[in-house]
N, C-alpha and C. Protein backbone atom coordinates (compact mmCIF):
# COMPACT_ATOMS: atom_id res chain seq x y z
N MET A 1 0.83 -1.19 0.00
CA MET A 1 0.00 0.00 0.00
C MET A 1 0.88 1.25 0.00
N PRO A 2 0.36 2.36 -0.54
CA PRO A 2 1.10 3.63 -0.45
C PRO A 2 1.36 3.96 1.01
N LEU A 3 2.48 4.64 1.28
CA LEU A 3 2.88 4.92 2.66
C LEU A 3 1.79 5.63 3.44
N GLN A 4 1.15 6.62 2.83
CA GLN A 4 0.12 7.38 3.54
C GLN A 4 -1.03 6.49 3.97
N SER A 5 -1.45 5.59 3.09
CA SER A 5 -2.54 4.68 3.42
C SER A 5 -2.12 3.70 4.51
N ALA A 6 -0.88 3.20 4.42
CA ALA A 6 -0.36 2.27 5.43
C ALA A 6 -0.28 2.96 6.79
N GLN A 7 0.12 4.22 6.80
CA GLN A 7 0.19 4.97 8.04
C GLN A 7 -1.20 5.20 8.63
N GLN A 8 -2.16 5.44 7.76
CA GLN A 8 -3.54 5.66 8.22
C GLN A 8 -4.10 4.40 8.89
N THR A 9 -3.87 3.25 8.26
CA THR A 9 -4.35 1.99 8.84
C THR A 9 -3.66 1.73 10.17
N ALA A 10 -2.36 1.98 10.24
CA ALA A 10 -1.62 1.80 11.50
C ALA A 10 -2.19 2.71 12.58
N ALA A 11 -2.48 3.95 12.21
CA ALA A 11 -3.05 4.91 13.17
C ALA A 11 -4.41 4.44 13.67
N HIS A 12 -5.21 3.89 12.77
CA HIS A 12 -6.52 3.36 13.16
C HIS A 12 -6.36 2.26 14.21
N LEU A 13 -5.45 1.34 13.96
CA LEU A 13 -5.23 0.23 14.89
C LEU A 13 -4.79 0.73 16.26
N LEU A 14 -3.93 1.73 16.26
CA LEU A 14 -3.43 2.28 17.52
C LEU A 14 -4.50 3.08 18.25
N ASP A 15 -5.26 3.87 17.51
CA ASP A 15 -6.26 4.75 18.13
C ASP A 15 -7.35 3.98 18.86
N ILE A 16 -7.71 2.80 18.37
CA ILE A 16 -8.78 2.03 19.01
C ILE A 16 -8.24 1.00 20.01
N GLY A 17 -6.95 1.00 20.21
CA GLY A 17 -6.36 0.07 21.17
C GLY A 17 -6.25 -1.36 20.68
N ALA A 18 -6.23 -1.52 19.36
CA ALA A 18 -6.12 -2.87 18.80
C ALA A 18 -4.71 -3.44 18.95
N VAL A 19 -3.75 -2.56 19.19
CA VAL A 19 -2.35 -2.99 19.36
C VAL A 19 -1.92 -2.70 20.79
N GLN A 20 -1.40 -3.70 21.43
CA GLN A 20 -0.90 -3.54 22.80
C GLN A 20 0.55 -3.98 22.88
N PHE A 21 1.33 -3.23 23.65
CA PHE A 21 2.73 -3.55 23.87
C PHE A 21 2.91 -3.98 25.33
N ARG A 22 3.57 -5.12 25.53
CA ARG A 22 3.76 -5.62 26.90
C ARG A 22 5.05 -6.43 27.00
N PRO A 23 6.20 -5.78 26.82
CA PRO A 23 7.48 -6.50 26.86
C PRO A 23 7.75 -7.18 28.20
N GLU A 24 7.28 -6.55 29.30
CA GLU A 24 7.56 -7.10 30.62
C GLU A 24 6.71 -8.33 30.95
N GLN A 25 5.59 -8.47 30.27
CA GLN A 25 4.71 -9.63 30.46
C GLN A 25 4.23 -10.08 29.08
N PRO A 26 5.06 -10.79 28.34
CA PRO A 26 4.78 -11.12 26.94
C PRO A 26 3.46 -11.85 26.74
N PHE A 27 2.87 -11.58 25.60
CA PHE A 27 1.66 -12.30 25.18
C PHE A 27 2.07 -13.66 24.64
N GLN A 28 1.22 -14.64 24.84
CA GLN A 28 1.44 -15.95 24.22
C GLN A 28 0.46 -16.11 23.08
N TRP A 29 0.98 -16.28 21.87
CA TRP A 29 0.14 -16.46 20.71
C TRP A 29 -0.38 -17.89 20.65
N ALA A 30 -1.33 -18.12 19.76
CA ALA A 30 -1.90 -19.46 19.58
C ALA A 30 -0.82 -20.48 19.21
N SER A 31 0.21 -20.01 18.52
CA SER A 31 1.30 -20.90 18.10
C SER A 31 2.22 -21.28 19.26
N GLY A 32 2.04 -20.58 20.40
CA GLY A 32 2.92 -20.81 21.54
C GLY A 32 4.03 -19.78 21.65
N MET A 33 4.22 -19.00 20.60
CA MET A 33 5.26 -17.97 20.59
C MET A 33 4.96 -16.89 21.62
N LEU A 34 6.00 -16.42 22.31
CA LEU A 34 5.88 -15.29 23.21
C LEU A 34 6.24 -14.02 22.46
N ALA A 35 5.46 -12.96 22.67
CA ALA A 35 5.68 -11.73 21.93
C ALA A 35 5.40 -10.52 22.81
N PRO A 36 6.15 -9.42 22.60
CA PRO A 36 5.93 -8.20 23.39
C PRO A 36 4.81 -7.34 22.82
N ILE A 37 4.15 -7.83 21.78
CA ILE A 37 3.11 -7.07 21.10
C ILE A 37 1.98 -8.00 20.70
N TYR A 38 0.77 -7.45 20.70
CA TYR A 38 -0.38 -8.22 20.22
C TYR A 38 -1.27 -7.29 19.41
N CYS A 39 -1.66 -7.74 18.23
CA CYS A 39 -2.53 -6.95 17.36
C CYS A 39 -3.87 -7.67 17.23
N ASP A 40 -4.91 -7.07 17.78
CA ASP A 40 -6.25 -7.64 17.71
C ASP A 40 -7.07 -6.84 16.70
N SER A 41 -6.92 -7.20 15.44
CA SER A 41 -7.60 -6.46 14.38
C SER A 41 -9.11 -6.63 14.40
N ARG A 42 -9.61 -7.60 15.17
CA ARG A 42 -11.06 -7.79 15.27
C ARG A 42 -11.75 -6.55 15.79
N LEU A 43 -11.04 -5.76 16.58
CA LEU A 43 -11.64 -4.54 17.14
C LEU A 43 -12.08 -3.57 16.06
N THR A 44 -11.45 -3.61 14.91
CA THR A 44 -11.82 -2.67 13.84
C THR A 44 -13.26 -2.86 13.40
N LEU A 45 -13.80 -4.05 13.59
CA LEU A 45 -15.18 -4.33 13.17
C LEU A 45 -16.19 -3.55 13.99
N SER A 46 -15.81 -3.11 15.18
CA SER A 46 -16.72 -2.38 16.07
C SER A 46 -16.77 -0.89 15.80
N PHE A 47 -15.94 -0.43 14.87
CA PHE A 47 -15.88 1.00 14.55
C PHE A 47 -16.23 1.19 13.07
N PRO A 48 -17.48 1.59 12.77
CA PRO A 48 -17.94 1.66 11.37
C PRO A 48 -17.03 2.45 10.44
N GLU A 49 -16.55 3.61 10.88
CA GLU A 49 -15.72 4.43 10.00
C GLU A 49 -14.41 3.72 9.65
N ILE A 50 -13.80 3.11 10.66
CA ILE A 50 -12.56 2.37 10.43
C ILE A 50 -12.82 1.11 9.63
N ARG A 51 -13.92 0.45 9.92
CA ARG A 51 -14.31 -0.75 9.17
C ARG A 51 -14.44 -0.43 7.68
N HIS A 52 -15.10 0.68 7.38
CA HIS A 52 -15.26 1.09 5.98
C HIS A 52 -13.91 1.42 5.35
N SER A 53 -13.05 2.09 6.11
CA SER A 53 -11.73 2.47 5.59
C SER A 53 -10.91 1.24 5.24
N ILE A 54 -10.95 0.22 6.09
CA ILE A 54 -10.20 -1.00 5.83
C ILE A 54 -10.75 -1.72 4.61
N THR A 55 -12.07 -1.78 4.49
CA THR A 55 -12.66 -2.43 3.31
C THR A 55 -12.28 -1.67 2.05
N ASP A 56 -12.29 -0.34 2.11
CA ASP A 56 -11.88 0.47 0.95
C ASP A 56 -10.44 0.16 0.56
N SER A 57 -9.57 0.03 1.55
CA SER A 57 -8.16 -0.26 1.27
C SER A 57 -7.99 -1.65 0.67
N PHE A 58 -8.75 -2.61 1.19
CA PHE A 58 -8.74 -3.95 0.61
C PHE A 58 -9.15 -3.90 -0.86
N LEU A 59 -10.19 -3.13 -1.13
CA LEU A 59 -10.68 -3.00 -2.51
C LEU A 59 -9.58 -2.47 -3.43
N GLN A 60 -8.85 -1.47 -2.97
CA GLN A 60 -7.78 -0.89 -3.78
C GLN A 60 -6.73 -1.94 -4.11
N LEU A 61 -6.33 -2.72 -3.11
CA LEU A 61 -5.31 -3.74 -3.34
C LEU A 61 -5.78 -4.80 -4.32
N ILE A 62 -7.01 -5.25 -4.15
CA ILE A 62 -7.52 -6.31 -5.03
C ILE A 62 -7.67 -5.81 -6.46
N LYS A 63 -8.17 -4.60 -6.62
CA LYS A 63 -8.32 -4.05 -7.97
C LYS A 63 -6.96 -3.85 -8.64
N GLU A 64 -5.94 -3.52 -7.84
CA GLU A 64 -4.61 -3.27 -8.40
C GLU A 64 -3.86 -4.56 -8.72
N TYR A 65 -3.97 -5.55 -7.83
CA TYR A 65 -3.15 -6.75 -7.99
C TYR A 65 -3.93 -8.01 -8.38
N PHE A 66 -5.20 -8.05 -8.06
CA PHE A 66 -5.99 -9.27 -8.32
C PHE A 66 -7.31 -8.94 -9.00
N GLY A 67 -7.22 -8.14 -10.04
CA GLY A 67 -8.43 -7.69 -10.73
C GLY A 67 -9.25 -8.80 -11.34
N GLU A 68 -8.64 -9.97 -11.57
CA GLU A 68 -9.36 -11.08 -12.20
C GLU A 68 -10.06 -11.97 -11.18
N ALA A 69 -10.08 -11.56 -9.91
CA ALA A 69 -10.69 -12.37 -8.85
C ALA A 69 -12.15 -12.67 -9.15
N GLN A 70 -12.52 -13.93 -8.94
CA GLN A 70 -13.90 -14.37 -9.14
C GLN A 70 -14.58 -14.76 -7.84
N GLY A 71 -13.83 -14.72 -6.75
CA GLY A 71 -14.39 -15.08 -5.45
C GLY A 71 -13.47 -14.65 -4.33
N ILE A 72 -14.02 -14.60 -3.12
CA ILE A 72 -13.28 -14.20 -1.93
C ILE A 72 -13.34 -15.34 -0.92
N ALA A 73 -12.19 -15.66 -0.32
CA ALA A 73 -12.13 -16.73 0.68
C ALA A 73 -11.55 -16.19 1.98
N GLY A 74 -12.31 -16.30 3.06
CA GLY A 74 -11.83 -15.86 4.36
C GLY A 74 -11.18 -17.00 5.12
N VAL A 75 -10.23 -16.67 5.98
CA VAL A 75 -9.58 -17.66 6.83
C VAL A 75 -10.16 -17.54 8.23
N ALA A 76 -10.68 -18.66 8.76
CA ALA A 76 -11.30 -18.64 10.09
C ALA A 76 -10.25 -18.31 11.16
N THR A 77 -10.66 -17.51 12.18
CA THR A 77 -11.98 -16.94 12.23
C THR A 77 -11.98 -15.44 11.89
N ALA A 78 -10.89 -14.78 12.24
CA ALA A 78 -10.87 -13.32 12.10
C ALA A 78 -10.92 -12.83 10.67
N GLY A 79 -10.54 -13.69 9.71
CA GLY A 79 -10.59 -13.28 8.32
C GLY A 79 -11.98 -13.35 7.72
N ILE A 80 -12.90 -14.05 8.39
CA ILE A 80 -14.23 -14.26 7.82
C ILE A 80 -15.04 -12.96 7.70
N PRO A 81 -15.18 -12.16 8.78
CA PRO A 81 -15.97 -10.93 8.63
C PRO A 81 -15.37 -9.96 7.63
N GLN A 82 -14.03 -9.86 7.60
CA GLN A 82 -13.40 -8.97 6.62
C GLN A 82 -13.69 -9.46 5.20
N ALA A 83 -13.63 -10.77 5.01
CA ALA A 83 -13.92 -11.34 3.69
C ALA A 83 -15.36 -11.10 3.29
N ALA A 84 -16.28 -11.22 4.25
CA ALA A 84 -17.70 -11.01 3.97
C ALA A 84 -17.97 -9.57 3.55
N LEU A 85 -17.37 -8.62 4.26
CA LEU A 85 -17.55 -7.22 3.90
C LEU A 85 -17.02 -6.94 2.50
N LEU A 86 -15.89 -7.51 2.19
CA LEU A 86 -15.26 -7.29 0.90
C LEU A 86 -16.04 -7.94 -0.23
N ALA A 87 -16.48 -9.18 -0.01
CA ALA A 87 -17.25 -9.89 -1.03
C ALA A 87 -18.54 -9.14 -1.35
N GLU A 88 -19.15 -8.56 -0.31
CA GLU A 88 -20.39 -7.80 -0.51
C GLU A 88 -20.13 -6.58 -1.39
N ARG A 89 -19.05 -5.87 -1.11
CA ARG A 89 -18.72 -4.67 -1.89
C ARG A 89 -18.39 -5.01 -3.34
N LEU A 90 -17.76 -6.17 -3.54
CA LEU A 90 -17.35 -6.58 -4.89
C LEU A 90 -18.42 -7.39 -5.62
N SER A 91 -19.49 -7.74 -4.89
CA SER A 91 -20.55 -8.60 -5.45
C SER A 91 -19.96 -9.91 -5.97
N LEU A 92 -19.09 -10.51 -5.15
CA LEU A 92 -18.44 -11.77 -5.51
C LEU A 92 -18.85 -12.87 -4.53
N PRO A 93 -18.78 -14.13 -4.97
CA PRO A 93 -19.07 -15.26 -4.08
C PRO A 93 -18.09 -15.29 -2.90
N LEU A 94 -18.57 -15.82 -1.79
CA LEU A 94 -17.77 -15.90 -0.58
C LEU A 94 -17.71 -17.34 -0.06
N CYS A 95 -16.54 -17.75 0.36
CA CYS A 95 -16.40 -19.00 1.10
C CYS A 95 -15.41 -18.75 2.23
N TYR A 96 -15.31 -19.68 3.15
CA TYR A 96 -14.27 -19.54 4.17
C TYR A 96 -13.69 -20.90 4.51
N VAL A 97 -12.46 -20.87 5.01
CA VAL A 97 -11.72 -22.09 5.30
C VAL A 97 -11.56 -22.23 6.81
N ARG A 98 -11.98 -23.37 7.33
CA ARG A 98 -11.83 -23.65 8.75
C ARG A 98 -10.39 -24.05 9.07
N ALA A 99 -10.04 -23.97 10.34
CA ALA A 99 -8.72 -24.42 10.78
C ALA A 99 -8.60 -25.93 10.66
N SER A 100 -9.74 -26.61 10.84
CA SER A 100 -9.80 -28.07 10.70
C SER A 100 -11.23 -28.43 10.31
N PRO A 101 -11.43 -29.61 9.71
CA PRO A 101 -12.78 -29.99 9.29
C PRO A 101 -13.76 -29.98 10.46
N LYS A 102 -14.98 -29.55 10.18
CA LYS A 102 -16.02 -29.53 11.21
C LYS A 102 -16.24 -30.94 11.75
N GLY A 103 -16.42 -31.06 13.04
CA GLY A 103 -16.52 -32.37 13.67
C GLY A 103 -17.89 -33.00 13.62
N HIS A 104 -18.83 -32.37 12.93
CA HIS A 104 -20.17 -32.94 12.83
C HIS A 104 -20.80 -32.51 11.51
N GLY A 105 -22.00 -32.98 11.23
CA GLY A 105 -22.68 -32.60 9.99
C GLY A 105 -21.92 -33.08 8.78
N LEU A 106 -21.63 -32.16 7.86
CA LEU A 106 -20.95 -32.50 6.61
C LEU A 106 -19.43 -32.56 6.76
N THR A 107 -18.94 -32.24 7.95
CA THR A 107 -17.49 -32.25 8.25
C THR A 107 -16.68 -31.47 7.22
N ASN A 108 -17.20 -30.32 6.81
CA ASN A 108 -16.53 -29.52 5.79
C ASN A 108 -15.29 -28.82 6.34
N LEU A 109 -14.30 -28.69 5.49
CA LEU A 109 -13.14 -27.85 5.78
C LEU A 109 -13.36 -26.48 5.16
N ILE A 110 -13.97 -26.47 3.98
CA ILE A 110 -14.31 -25.23 3.28
C ILE A 110 -15.82 -25.07 3.31
N GLU A 111 -16.29 -23.92 3.78
CA GLU A 111 -17.73 -23.65 3.84
C GLU A 111 -18.12 -22.68 2.73
N GLY A 112 -19.24 -22.97 2.08
CA GLY A 112 -19.70 -22.12 0.99
C GLY A 112 -19.60 -22.86 -0.33
N LYS A 113 -20.33 -22.41 -1.31
CA LYS A 113 -20.30 -23.04 -2.63
C LYS A 113 -19.04 -22.62 -3.38
N ILE A 114 -18.30 -23.59 -3.83
CA ILE A 114 -17.09 -23.30 -4.59
C ILE A 114 -17.14 -24.01 -5.93
N ASP A 115 -16.54 -23.39 -6.92
CA ASP A 115 -16.49 -23.96 -8.26
C ASP A 115 -15.03 -24.20 -8.64
N PRO A 116 -14.69 -25.42 -9.04
CA PRO A 116 -13.32 -25.71 -9.47
C PRO A 116 -12.87 -24.73 -10.55
N GLN A 117 -11.61 -24.35 -10.49
CA GLN A 117 -10.99 -23.41 -11.42
C GLN A 117 -11.33 -21.96 -11.11
N GLN A 118 -12.18 -21.73 -10.12
CA GLN A 118 -12.52 -20.36 -9.75
C GLN A 118 -11.29 -19.65 -9.18
N LYS A 119 -11.08 -18.40 -9.57
CA LYS A 119 -9.94 -17.63 -9.08
C LYS A 119 -10.36 -16.86 -7.83
N VAL A 120 -9.68 -17.12 -6.72
CA VAL A 120 -10.06 -16.50 -5.46
C VAL A 120 -8.89 -15.77 -4.81
N VAL A 121 -9.24 -14.79 -3.99
CA VAL A 121 -8.27 -14.08 -3.16
C VAL A 121 -8.57 -14.44 -1.71
N VAL A 122 -7.54 -14.78 -0.97
CA VAL A 122 -7.68 -15.17 0.44
C VAL A 122 -7.54 -13.93 1.32
N ILE A 123 -8.45 -13.79 2.28
CA ILE A 123 -8.43 -12.65 3.19
C ILE A 123 -8.07 -13.10 4.60
N GLU A 124 -7.04 -12.47 5.15
CA GLU A 124 -6.59 -12.72 6.52
C GLU A 124 -6.68 -11.43 7.32
N ASP A 125 -6.57 -11.54 8.63
CA ASP A 125 -6.50 -10.32 9.43
C ASP A 125 -5.05 -9.95 9.71
N VAL A 126 -4.31 -10.88 10.33
CA VAL A 126 -2.92 -10.63 10.69
C VAL A 126 -2.04 -11.78 10.21
N LEU A 127 -0.88 -11.44 9.65
CA LEU A 127 0.07 -12.45 9.20
C LEU A 127 1.26 -12.47 10.14
N SER A 128 1.58 -13.67 10.66
CA SER A 128 2.78 -13.81 11.49
C SER A 128 3.76 -14.74 10.78
N THR A 129 3.66 -16.04 11.04
CA THR A 129 4.54 -16.98 10.32
C THR A 129 3.96 -17.36 8.96
N GLY A 130 2.65 -17.13 8.79
CA GLY A 130 2.00 -17.47 7.53
C GLY A 130 1.48 -18.89 7.45
N GLN A 131 1.70 -19.68 8.49
CA GLN A 131 1.34 -21.10 8.44
C GLN A 131 -0.16 -21.32 8.27
N SER A 132 -0.98 -20.58 9.02
CA SER A 132 -2.43 -20.77 8.90
C SER A 132 -2.93 -20.36 7.53
N SER A 133 -2.33 -19.31 6.98
CA SER A 133 -2.71 -18.85 5.64
C SER A 133 -2.34 -19.89 4.59
N ILE A 134 -1.14 -20.43 4.71
CA ILE A 134 -0.69 -21.44 3.75
C ILE A 134 -1.56 -22.68 3.82
N LYS A 135 -1.94 -23.07 5.02
CA LYS A 135 -2.82 -24.22 5.20
C LYS A 135 -4.15 -23.99 4.50
N ALA A 136 -4.69 -22.77 4.61
CA ALA A 136 -5.95 -22.43 3.95
C ALA A 136 -5.80 -22.45 2.44
N VAL A 137 -4.69 -21.90 1.95
CA VAL A 137 -4.43 -21.88 0.51
C VAL A 137 -4.33 -23.31 -0.03
N GLN A 138 -3.63 -24.16 0.69
CA GLN A 138 -3.50 -25.55 0.26
C GLN A 138 -4.85 -26.24 0.18
N ALA A 139 -5.73 -25.97 1.15
CA ALA A 139 -7.07 -26.57 1.14
C ALA A 139 -7.86 -26.11 -0.08
N LEU A 140 -7.75 -24.83 -0.39
CA LEU A 140 -8.46 -24.28 -1.55
C LEU A 140 -7.91 -24.86 -2.85
N ARG A 141 -6.59 -24.97 -2.93
CA ARG A 141 -5.97 -25.54 -4.13
C ARG A 141 -6.38 -27.00 -4.31
N GLU A 142 -6.40 -27.73 -3.22
CA GLU A 142 -6.80 -29.14 -3.30
C GLU A 142 -8.25 -29.30 -3.73
N ALA A 143 -9.06 -28.27 -3.45
CA ALA A 143 -10.47 -28.29 -3.86
C ALA A 143 -10.64 -27.85 -5.31
N GLY A 144 -9.52 -27.50 -5.97
CA GLY A 144 -9.57 -27.15 -7.38
C GLY A 144 -9.61 -25.67 -7.69
N LEU A 145 -9.52 -24.82 -6.66
CA LEU A 145 -9.55 -23.39 -6.90
C LEU A 145 -8.16 -22.85 -7.21
N GLU A 146 -8.12 -21.76 -7.92
CA GLU A 146 -6.85 -21.07 -8.21
C GLU A 146 -6.73 -19.90 -7.25
N VAL A 147 -5.77 -19.95 -6.36
CA VAL A 147 -5.57 -18.88 -5.38
C VAL A 147 -4.63 -17.84 -5.98
N LEU A 148 -5.16 -16.64 -6.16
CA LEU A 148 -4.36 -15.56 -6.76
C LEU A 148 -3.37 -14.99 -5.76
N GLY A 149 -3.74 -14.98 -4.48
CA GLY A 149 -2.86 -14.42 -3.47
C GLY A 149 -3.61 -14.16 -2.18
N ILE A 150 -2.91 -13.55 -1.24
CA ILE A 150 -3.46 -13.25 0.08
C ILE A 150 -3.42 -11.74 0.32
N VAL A 151 -4.47 -11.24 0.96
CA VAL A 151 -4.51 -9.84 1.39
C VAL A 151 -4.85 -9.83 2.87
N ALA A 152 -4.09 -9.06 3.66
CA ALA A 152 -4.32 -9.00 5.11
C ALA A 152 -4.23 -7.56 5.60
N ILE A 153 -4.73 -7.35 6.80
CA ILE A 153 -4.67 -6.01 7.38
C ILE A 153 -3.25 -5.67 7.82
N PHE A 154 -2.59 -6.61 8.50
CA PHE A 154 -1.31 -6.31 9.14
C PHE A 154 -0.36 -7.50 9.07
N THR A 155 0.92 -7.22 8.97
CA THR A 155 1.94 -8.27 9.02
C THR A 155 3.07 -7.85 9.95
N TYR A 156 3.59 -8.83 10.66
CA TYR A 156 4.79 -8.60 11.48
C TYR A 156 6.04 -8.63 10.61
N GLY A 157 5.92 -9.18 9.42
CA GLY A 157 7.02 -9.16 8.47
C GLY A 157 8.20 -10.03 8.83
N PHE A 158 7.94 -11.15 9.49
CA PHE A 158 9.04 -12.05 9.84
C PHE A 158 9.71 -12.62 8.59
N ASP A 159 11.02 -12.81 8.66
CA ASP A 159 11.74 -13.44 7.55
C ASP A 159 11.20 -14.84 7.28
N LEU A 160 10.81 -15.53 8.35
CA LEU A 160 10.27 -16.88 8.20
C LEU A 160 8.99 -16.87 7.37
N MET A 161 8.15 -15.86 7.58
CA MET A 161 6.92 -15.75 6.80
C MET A 161 7.23 -15.54 5.32
N GLU A 162 8.16 -14.65 5.05
CA GLU A 162 8.56 -14.38 3.67
C GLU A 162 9.02 -15.68 3.00
N GLN A 163 9.84 -16.43 3.71
CA GLN A 163 10.35 -17.69 3.18
C GLN A 163 9.22 -18.69 2.94
N ASN A 164 8.31 -18.79 3.90
CA ASN A 164 7.19 -19.73 3.78
C ASN A 164 6.32 -19.40 2.57
N PHE A 165 6.02 -18.13 2.37
CA PHE A 165 5.17 -17.74 1.25
C PHE A 165 5.88 -17.95 -0.09
N GLN A 166 7.18 -17.69 -0.12
CA GLN A 166 7.93 -17.90 -1.35
C GLN A 166 7.94 -19.38 -1.72
N GLU A 167 8.17 -20.23 -0.74
CA GLU A 167 8.21 -21.67 -1.00
C GLU A 167 6.86 -22.20 -1.44
N ALA A 168 5.78 -21.59 -0.93
CA ALA A 168 4.44 -22.03 -1.30
C ALA A 168 3.92 -21.32 -2.54
N ASN A 169 4.74 -20.41 -3.08
CA ASN A 169 4.38 -19.65 -4.28
C ASN A 169 3.07 -18.89 -4.08
N ILE A 170 3.03 -18.10 -3.01
CA ILE A 170 1.84 -17.32 -2.68
C ILE A 170 2.20 -15.84 -2.57
N PRO A 171 1.74 -15.01 -3.50
CA PRO A 171 1.95 -13.56 -3.35
C PRO A 171 1.03 -13.01 -2.26
N TYR A 172 1.47 -11.98 -1.58
CA TYR A 172 0.63 -11.40 -0.54
C TYR A 172 0.84 -9.89 -0.47
N TYR A 173 -0.19 -9.21 0.04
CA TYR A 173 -0.14 -7.76 0.24
C TYR A 173 -0.87 -7.44 1.53
N THR A 174 -0.40 -6.42 2.23
CA THR A 174 -1.06 -6.03 3.48
C THR A 174 -1.34 -4.53 3.49
N LEU A 175 -2.28 -4.13 4.34
CA LEU A 175 -2.64 -2.72 4.42
C LEU A 175 -1.60 -1.92 5.20
N THR A 176 -0.96 -2.57 6.16
CA THR A 176 0.11 -1.92 6.91
C THR A 176 1.02 -3.00 7.47
N ASP A 177 2.12 -2.58 8.10
CA ASP A 177 3.09 -3.56 8.59
C ASP A 177 3.73 -3.10 9.90
N TYR A 178 4.56 -3.95 10.43
CA TYR A 178 5.18 -3.73 11.74
C TYR A 178 6.03 -2.46 11.77
N THR A 179 6.85 -2.28 10.75
CA THR A 179 7.73 -1.11 10.71
C THR A 179 6.92 0.18 10.69
N THR A 180 5.88 0.22 9.87
CA THR A 180 5.03 1.40 9.79
C THR A 180 4.32 1.64 11.11
N LEU A 181 3.86 0.57 11.73
CA LEU A 181 3.15 0.69 13.01
C LEU A 181 4.03 1.33 14.07
N LEU A 182 5.26 0.86 14.19
CA LEU A 182 6.17 1.43 15.20
C LEU A 182 6.50 2.88 14.89
N SER A 183 6.64 3.20 13.62
CA SER A 183 6.93 4.57 13.22
C SER A 183 5.79 5.51 13.60
N VAL A 184 4.57 5.08 13.31
CA VAL A 184 3.39 5.89 13.64
C VAL A 184 3.24 6.00 15.16
N TYR A 185 3.47 4.90 15.86
CA TYR A 185 3.34 4.92 17.32
C TYR A 185 4.32 5.92 17.93
N ALA A 186 5.55 5.91 17.44
CA ALA A 186 6.57 6.80 17.98
C ALA A 186 6.19 8.27 17.81
N LYS A 187 5.44 8.58 16.75
CA LYS A 187 5.02 9.95 16.49
C LYS A 187 3.80 10.35 17.32
N LYS A 188 2.93 9.38 17.59
CA LYS A 188 1.68 9.68 18.28
C LYS A 188 1.76 9.56 19.80
N PHE A 189 2.62 8.67 20.27
CA PHE A 189 2.66 8.39 21.70
C PHE A 189 4.10 8.36 22.21
N ASP A 190 4.21 8.35 23.52
CA ASP A 190 5.53 8.31 24.14
C ASP A 190 5.93 6.85 24.37
N LEU A 191 6.93 6.40 23.67
CA LEU A 191 7.41 5.03 23.81
C LEU A 191 8.89 5.11 24.14
N SER A 192 9.28 4.56 25.26
CA SER A 192 10.67 4.67 25.71
C SER A 192 11.62 4.00 24.72
N GLU A 193 12.86 4.47 24.72
CA GLU A 193 13.86 3.91 23.83
C GLU A 193 14.11 2.44 24.13
N SER A 194 14.04 2.07 25.40
CA SER A 194 14.29 0.68 25.77
C SER A 194 13.20 -0.24 25.23
N ILE A 195 11.94 0.21 25.30
CA ILE A 195 10.85 -0.61 24.78
C ILE A 195 10.95 -0.70 23.26
N MET A 196 11.27 0.43 22.63
CA MET A 196 11.42 0.43 21.18
C MET A 196 12.54 -0.52 20.76
N ALA A 197 13.63 -0.52 21.50
CA ALA A 197 14.74 -1.42 21.20
C ALA A 197 14.31 -2.88 21.35
N THR A 198 13.53 -3.15 22.39
CA THR A 198 13.02 -4.51 22.60
C THR A 198 12.16 -4.95 21.44
N LEU A 199 11.28 -4.07 20.98
CA LEU A 199 10.38 -4.39 19.87
C LEU A 199 11.16 -4.68 18.59
N HIS A 200 12.22 -3.94 18.36
CA HIS A 200 13.04 -4.18 17.16
C HIS A 200 13.83 -5.48 17.30
N GLU A 201 14.35 -5.75 18.49
CA GLU A 201 15.10 -6.99 18.72
C GLU A 201 14.21 -8.20 18.51
N TRP A 202 13.00 -8.13 19.04
CA TRP A 202 12.06 -9.25 18.88
C TRP A 202 11.73 -9.49 17.42
N ARG A 203 11.50 -8.42 16.71
CA ARG A 203 11.16 -8.53 15.28
C ARG A 203 12.28 -9.20 14.49
N LYS A 204 13.53 -8.88 14.81
CA LYS A 204 14.66 -9.44 14.08
C LYS A 204 14.85 -10.93 14.37
N ASN A 205 14.64 -11.31 15.62
CA ASN A 205 14.86 -12.71 15.99
C ASN A 205 13.92 -13.10 17.13
N PRO A 206 12.66 -13.40 16.81
CA PRO A 206 11.68 -13.70 17.86
C PRO A 206 12.04 -14.92 18.70
N GLN A 207 12.68 -15.93 18.10
CA GLN A 207 13.04 -17.12 18.86
C GLN A 207 14.11 -16.81 19.90
N GLN A 208 15.10 -16.03 19.49
CA GLN A 208 16.17 -15.68 20.43
C GLN A 208 15.62 -14.80 21.55
N TRP A 209 14.76 -13.85 21.19
CA TRP A 209 14.17 -12.97 22.20
C TRP A 209 13.35 -13.79 23.19
N GLN A 210 12.60 -14.74 22.69
CA GLN A 210 11.75 -15.58 23.54
C GLN A 210 12.59 -16.35 24.55
N SER A 211 13.77 -16.80 24.13
CA SER A 211 14.63 -17.57 25.04
C SER A 211 15.13 -16.73 26.20
N THR A 212 15.12 -15.41 26.04
CA THR A 212 15.60 -14.53 27.11
C THR A 212 14.51 -14.20 28.13
N VAL A 213 13.26 -14.47 27.78
CA VAL A 213 12.16 -14.12 28.69
C VAL A 213 11.40 -15.33 29.21
N SER A 214 11.59 -16.49 28.57
CA SER A 214 10.83 -17.68 28.99
C SER A 214 11.54 -18.42 30.11
């Protein structure tokens, strides 16, 4: 995204408290990773003006990079509402991918009507290692769909994620990123140099940082 737009999205996340910093008491992610930061993009859904802004930004990215999209696929769970909003604006079919097959009923992994060879864009909220996104893409590909790429609100920009996406041959774009977020935060709020240094150290090597606090 253009820098101004990326900065605006970062400011939105910060203004509503969707991003929290806690180096002294790290957050534990679903993956088990310890982190001094947590981004809860779900909060954006509760603010209509910000919700509309994010959908508008998604639209810009898709029109610029994935104009041939024939459908939208959300990744459970936080990617589903964003995907639904986007599919509605684009008047495109919507499906979503579960983390695992449903344990009852039809035991579906992918919910919604899908057509083989359909070109879809995957919608995520936050990208960390990229593993959940890749798993969703693989499920869609196995179902016969052509995945054009992934669009997300925010990425931590880990080197591991970049490597994972390259190996899986998945292009991706985000509305904002970790570097932009820290830059905007530094301008809007008072963040000590020590905390800022911690955040940069964690970003460069999250595994090494985790070993110092666990």
